[in-house]
Protein backbone atom coordinates (compact mmCIF):
# COMPACT_ATOMS: atom_id res chain seq x y z
CA MET A 1 3.33 16.10 -0.79
CA LYS A 2 1.31 17.34 2.19
CA GLU A 3 -2.06 17.26 0.51
CA THR A 4 -0.86 13.26 -0.45
CA VAL A 5 -0.22 12.46 3.35
CA HIS A 6 -3.24 14.05 4.59
CA LYS A 7 -5.08 12.02 2.32
CA LEU A 8 -3.16 8.84 3.38
CA ASP A 9 -3.43 9.52 7.17
CA GLU A 10 -6.92 9.64 6.52
CA LEU A 11 -7.30 6.38 5.14
CA LEU A 12 -5.17 5.29 7.61
CA VAL A 13 -7.62 6.50 10.33
CA MET A 14 -10.48 5.53 8.92
CA LEU A 15 -9.13 1.80 8.10
CA LYS A 16 -8.05 1.88 11.84
CA GLU A 17 -11.55 2.67 13.36
CA TYR A 18 -12.98 -0.02 11.12
CA ILE A 19 -10.80 -3.05 11.71
CA SER A 20 -11.52 -1.76 16.03
CA LYS A 21 -15.09 -2.33 14.99
CA SER A 22 -14.97 -5.67 12.78
CA SER A 23 -15.03 -9.34 13.94
CA ASP A 24 -12.20 -11.73 12.59
CA THR A 25 -15.19 -13.77 10.90
CA GLU A 26 -15.95 -10.61 8.83
CA LEU A 27 -12.13 -9.80 7.84
CA ARG A 28 -11.70 -13.47 7.08
CA PHE A 29 -14.59 -14.08 4.91
CA LYS A 30 -14.07 -14.61 1.04
CA THR A 31 -16.72 -14.08 -1.68
CA ASN A 32 -15.31 -16.80 -3.54
CA PRO A 33 -11.97 -19.09 -3.32
CA GLU A 34 -10.38 -16.87 -5.44
CA LYS A 35 -11.18 -13.46 -3.73
CA TRP A 36 -8.62 -11.61 -1.07
CA SER A 37 -10.69 -11.74 2.03
CA LYS A 38 -10.69 -8.32 3.89
CA LYS A 39 -7.61 -9.49 5.71
CA GLU A 40 -5.50 -10.66 3.00
CA ILE A 41 -6.47 -6.97 1.67
CA ILE A 42 -4.82 -5.48 4.53
CA GLY A 43 -1.67 -7.58 4.10
CA HIS A 44 -1.41 -6.55 0.32
CA LEU A 45 -1.38 -3.28 1.91
CA ILE A 46 1.30 -4.46 3.98
CA ASP A 47 3.42 -5.91 0.87
CA SER A 48 2.60 -2.64 -1.68
CA GLY A 49 3.84 -0.20 1.22
CA ILE A 50 7.12 -2.51 2.00
CA ASN A 51 7.61 -2.67 -1.88
CA ASN A 52 7.02 0.75 -2.32
CA THR A 53 9.29 2.26 0.27
CA ARG A 54 12.01 0.03 -1.37
CA ARG A 55 10.98 1.36 -4.88
CA PHE A 56 10.68 5.23 -3.40
CA THR A 57 14.46 4.75 -1.87
CA ALA A 58 15.76 3.41 -4.62
CA ALA A 59 14.51 5.86 -7.15
CA LEU A 60 16.41 8.37 -5.22
CA ILE A 61 20.33 6.21 -4.83
CA GLU A 62 19.89 4.56 -8.10
CA LYS A 63 20.62 5.31 -11.72
CA GLU A 64 18.18 7.41 -13.17
CA PRO A 65 15.50 6.50 -14.50
CA TYR A 66 14.96 3.51 -11.86
CA ARG A 67 12.93 0.74 -13.16
CA ILE A 68 9.76 -0.10 -11.34
CA MET A 69 9.43 -3.76 -11.42
CA PRO A 70 5.85 -5.71 -10.85
CA MET A 71 5.09 -7.45 -7.16
CA LYS A 72 3.80 -10.73 -7.33
CA GLN A 73 0.71 -9.77 -4.97
CA ASP A 74 -1.06 -13.02 -5.00
CA GLU A 75 2.02 -14.88 -3.96
CA LEU A 76 2.88 -12.92 -1.26
CA ILE A 77 -0.50 -12.99 0.25
CA LYS A 78 0.23 -16.85 0.33
CA VAL A 79 3.39 -17.26 1.92
CA ASN A 80 2.63 -14.58 4.34
CA ASP A 81 -0.39 -16.31 5.00
CA TYR A 82 -2.17 -13.02 6.04
CA GLN A 83 -5.27 -15.17 6.31
CA ASN A 84 -4.77 -16.60 9.37
CA SER A 85 -2.40 -13.74 11.01
CA GLU A 86 -3.42 -11.99 13.80
CA ILE A 87 -5.21 -8.44 13.15
CA ASP A 88 -3.53 -6.33 15.70
CA GLU A 89 -0.30 -7.38 14.29
CA LEU A 90 -1.04 -6.61 10.44
CA LEU A 91 -2.76 -3.24 11.52
CA THR A 92 0.66 -2.76 13.48
CA SER A 93 2.48 -3.43 10.42
CA LEU A 94 0.58 -1.47 8.27
CA LEU A 95 0.52 1.84 10.44
CA SER A 96 4.28 1.35 11.18
CA ILE A 97 5.42 0.83 7.30
CA ASN A 98 2.88 4.13 6.59
CA ILE A 99 4.58 6.13 8.78
CA ARG A 100 7.99 5.57 7.30
CA ILE A 101 6.19 6.38 3.63
CA LYS A 102 4.84 9.65 5.14
CA LYS A 103 8.15 10.62 6.20
CA LEU A 104 9.84 9.92 3.24
CA MET A 105 6.74 11.65 1.04
CA LEU A 106 7.75 14.82 3.49
CA LEU A 107 11.17 14.70 2.55
CA GLN A 108 11.20 15.37 -1.01
CA ASN A 109 11.40 18.33 -2.77
CA THR A 110 10.59 19.74 -6.21
CA GLN A 111 13.85 18.39 -7.32
CA THR A 112 13.52 14.86 -6.12
CA LEU A 113 9.84 14.46 -6.90
CA ALA A 114 11.25 14.68 -10.55
CA THR A 115 13.30 11.81 -10.32
CA ARG A 116 12.94 10.08 -13.24
CA ILE A 117 11.44 6.54 -13.21
CA GLU A 118 10.53 3.85 -15.77
CA LEU A 119 7.10 2.25 -14.93
CA TYR A 120 6.81 -1.82 -15.33
CA THR A 121 7.70 -1.35 -19.19
CA LYS A 122 10.39 0.24 -21.36
CA GLY A 123 9.59 3.87 -22.29
CA ASN A 124 6.88 3.90 -20.16
CA MET A 125 8.21 6.82 -17.83
CA SER A 126 6.89 9.07 -14.89
CA ASP A 127 8.92 10.37 -11.87
CA LEU A 128 8.63 10.00 -8.09
CA ARG A 129 5.78 12.26 -7.45
CA TYR A 130 3.41 10.07 -9.65
CA LEU A 131 4.76 7.21 -7.74
CA MET A 132 4.21 8.27 -4.11
CA GLU A 133 0.73 9.85 -5.52
CA ASP A 134 -0.46 6.75 -7.06
CA TYR A 135 0.72 4.97 -3.95
CA VAL A 136 -1.64 6.68 -2.04
CA VAL A 137 -4.70 6.12 -4.72
CA HIS A 138 -3.92 2.55 -4.95
CA PHE A 139 -4.32 2.46 -1.02
CA GLU A 140 -7.68 4.19 -1.17
CA HIS A 141 -8.99 1.72 -3.77
CA HIS A 142 -8.04 -1.14 -1.42
CA VAL A 143 -9.43 1.01 1.58
CA ASN A 144 -13.09 1.29 -0.05
CA GLN A 145 -12.80 -2.59 -0.72
CA ILE A 146 -12.41 -3.18 2.99
CA LEU A 147 -14.82 -0.72 3.99
CA LYS A 148 -17.72 -2.23 1.94
CA PRO A 149 -19.81 -4.41 3.65
CA VAL A 150 -19.60 -7.92 3.21
CA ALA A 151 -22.54 -9.61 1.59
CA ALA A 152 -24.82 -12.29 3.69
């Protein structure tokens, strides 16, 4: 898990640097009304962090296999109104939830990482290691979207 945590740290540093140099206009820009702005992607990462913290801990305390349910991402973006939120608040939330996630990851051992989970559909089995590593893969995907220059 140390490599996974290190990767998450790198992504958080990159994101923090990018946000510190970006204007609110750039962060709010939407290529089309159906797509998320960079602010909304950051909000999605907050929602994902909250949701995955719950998943990681529930997998360890509930009966195996713990069943992972999908997140209603578009609905969460809307009800949280990330588009109109202050970027400092969003960044603080994102960093805070990921501090907790990194600590949870580092607390795991071979046995806990092998905790069985069921991904979304009956019979689609994996383990906590996969879930934690996939969280960082997902996070990186969205950081790359945020870092991509806005088309003029």
